[in-house]
Amino acid sequence: MGRLLKALIFLLVVGFVGLVGYAYVGPFFGAEFAPAQVEMRQPVTLETD
């Protein structure tokens, strides 16, 4: 049971390090993480008394 727990913790740590590494190195290989930006304009009517 101890070996299974150690293996699970090891896989979690390796997965976290891989995810962080991909976040930093991904843009160099063409992975774009930023959402597409679109300007939106909407008229607003302000009601005054």
N, C-alpha and C. Protein backbone atom coordinates (compact mmCIF):
# COMPACT_ATOMS: atom_id res chain seq x y z
N MET A 1 0.82 -1.20 0.00
CA MET A 1 0.00 0.00 0.00
C MET A 1 0.86 1.25 0.00
N GLY A 2 1.99 1.20 0.70
CA GLY A 2 2.89 2.34 0.74
C GLY A 2 3.51 2.62 -0.62
N ARG A 3 3.81 1.55 -1.35
CA ARG A 3 4.39 1.73 -2.69
C ARG A 3 3.40 2.39 -3.63
N LEU A 4 2.15 2.01 -3.50
CA LEU A 4 1.09 2.59 -4.34
C LEU A 4 0.93 4.08 -4.05
N LEU A 5 0.95 4.44 -2.79
CA LEU A 5 0.83 5.84 -2.40
C LEU A 5 2.02 6.65 -2.89
N LYS A 6 3.23 6.09 -2.77
CA LYS A 6 4.43 6.78 -3.26
C LYS A 6 4.37 6.95 -4.78
N ALA A 7 3.90 5.92 -5.47
CA ALA A 7 3.79 6.01 -6.93
C ALA A 7 2.77 7.07 -7.34
N LEU A 8 1.66 7.15 -6.61
CA LEU A 8 0.64 8.14 -6.91
C LEU A 8 1.16 9.56 -6.68
N ILE A 9 1.85 9.77 -5.58
CA ILE A 9 2.44 11.08 -5.30
C ILE A 9 3.48 11.43 -6.35
N PHE A 10 4.28 10.46 -6.73
CA PHE A 10 5.29 10.70 -7.76
C PHE A 10 4.64 11.10 -9.09
N LEU A 11 3.58 10.40 -9.48
CA LEU A 11 2.88 10.74 -10.73
C LEU A 11 2.24 12.12 -10.65
N LEU A 12 1.70 12.48 -9.51
CA LEU A 12 1.13 13.82 -9.36
C LEU A 12 2.19 14.90 -9.49
N VAL A 13 3.35 14.69 -8.88
CA VAL A 13 4.43 15.67 -8.97
C VAL A 13 4.95 15.77 -10.39
N VAL A 14 5.14 14.64 -11.05
CA VAL A 14 5.63 14.65 -12.43
C VAL A 14 4.60 15.32 -13.36
N GLY A 15 3.33 15.04 -13.13
CA GLY A 15 2.28 15.67 -13.95
C GLY A 15 2.23 17.17 -13.75
N PHE A 16 2.38 17.62 -12.51
CA PHE A 16 2.38 19.06 -12.22
C PHE A 16 3.58 19.75 -12.88
N VAL A 17 4.75 19.14 -12.75
CA VAL A 17 5.95 19.71 -13.37
C VAL A 17 5.80 19.73 -14.89
N GLY A 18 5.23 18.68 -15.46
CA GLY A 18 5.00 18.65 -16.91
C GLY A 18 4.03 19.73 -17.36
N LEU A 19 2.98 19.94 -16.60
CA LEU A 19 2.00 20.96 -16.95
C LEU A 19 2.59 22.36 -16.87
N VAL A 20 3.36 22.62 -15.83
CA VAL A 20 4.01 23.93 -15.69
C VAL A 20 5.04 24.12 -16.81
N GLY A 21 5.78 23.08 -17.12
CA GLY A 21 6.76 23.16 -18.21
C GLY A 21 6.08 23.42 -19.54
N TYR A 22 4.96 22.78 -19.80
CA TYR A 22 4.24 23.00 -21.05
C TYR A 22 3.70 24.42 -21.12
N ALA A 23 3.28 24.97 -19.99
CA ALA A 23 2.77 26.34 -19.98
C ALA A 23 3.86 27.33 -20.34
N TYR A 24 5.09 27.06 -19.93
CA TYR A 24 6.19 27.97 -20.23
C TYR A 24 6.78 27.74 -21.62
N VAL A 25 6.87 26.49 -22.05
CA VAL A 25 7.55 26.16 -23.31
C VAL A 25 6.57 26.08 -24.47
N GLY A 26 5.30 25.89 -24.21
CA GLY A 26 4.29 25.72 -25.24
C GLY A 26 4.26 26.81 -26.30
N PRO A 27 4.32 28.10 -25.93
CA PRO A 27 4.27 29.15 -26.96
C PRO A 27 5.43 29.10 -27.95
N PHE A 28 6.57 28.53 -27.57
CA PHE A 28 7.69 28.41 -28.50
C PHE A 28 7.41 27.37 -29.58
N PHE A 29 6.47 26.46 -29.31
CA PHE A 29 6.14 25.40 -30.27
C PHE A 29 4.80 25.63 -30.94
N GLY A 30 4.24 26.82 -30.81
CA GLY A 30 3.02 27.17 -31.52
C GLY A 30 1.74 27.01 -30.73
N ALA A 31 1.80 26.66 -29.47
CA ALA A 31 0.58 26.55 -28.66
C ALA A 31 0.23 27.94 -28.15
N GLU A 32 -0.94 28.43 -28.52
CA GLU A 32 -1.38 29.77 -28.12
C GLU A 32 -2.43 29.63 -27.04
N PHE A 33 -2.15 30.18 -25.86
CA PHE A 33 -3.04 30.03 -24.72
C PHE A 33 -3.95 31.24 -24.52
N ALA A 34 -3.65 32.35 -25.14
CA ALA A 34 -4.46 33.55 -24.95
C ALA A 34 -5.74 33.46 -25.79
N PRO A 35 -6.86 33.90 -25.26
CA PRO A 35 -8.09 33.88 -26.05
C PRO A 35 -8.07 34.97 -27.11
N ALA A 36 -8.84 34.76 -28.17
CA ALA A 36 -8.94 35.76 -29.23
C ALA A 36 -9.64 36.99 -28.67
N GLN A 37 -9.06 38.15 -28.92
CA GLN A 37 -9.63 39.38 -28.39
C GLN A 37 -10.45 40.07 -29.48
N VAL A 38 -11.66 40.41 -29.14
CA VAL A 38 -12.57 41.07 -30.07
C VAL A 38 -13.17 42.27 -29.37
N GLU A 39 -13.12 43.42 -30.04
CA GLU A 39 -13.71 44.62 -29.46
C GLU A 39 -15.21 44.59 -29.69
N MET A 40 -15.96 44.79 -28.62
CA MET A 40 -17.42 44.82 -28.73
C MET A 40 -17.91 46.16 -28.20
N ARG A 41 -18.79 46.78 -28.97
CA ARG A 41 -19.39 48.05 -28.54
C ARG A 41 -20.89 47.85 -28.48
N GLN A 42 -21.47 48.30 -27.38
CA GLN A 42 -22.90 48.16 -27.17
C GLN A 42 -23.43 49.47 -26.62
N PRO A 43 -24.46 50.03 -27.26
CA PRO A 43 -25.00 51.29 -26.75
C PRO A 43 -25.71 51.09 -25.41
N VAL A 44 -25.54 52.07 -24.56
CA VAL A 44 -26.15 52.03 -23.23
C VAL A 44 -27.02 53.26 -23.06
N THR A 45 -28.24 53.06 -22.64
CA THR A 45 -29.16 54.16 -22.38
C THR A 45 -29.25 54.39 -20.88
N LEU A 46 -28.89 55.59 -20.45
CA LEU A 46 -28.95 55.93 -19.04
C LEU A 46 -30.22 56.70 -18.78
N GLU A 47 -31.00 56.22 -17.84
CA GLU A 47 -32.25 56.89 -17.52
C GLU A 47 -32.03 57.82 -16.33
N THR A 48 -32.42 59.09 -16.48
CA THR A 48 -32.30 60.05 -15.39
C THR A 48 -33.69 60.56 -15.01
N ASP A 49 -33.84 60.92 -13.75
CA ASP A 49 -35.13 61.43 -13.27
C ASP A 49 -35.20 62.92 -13.42
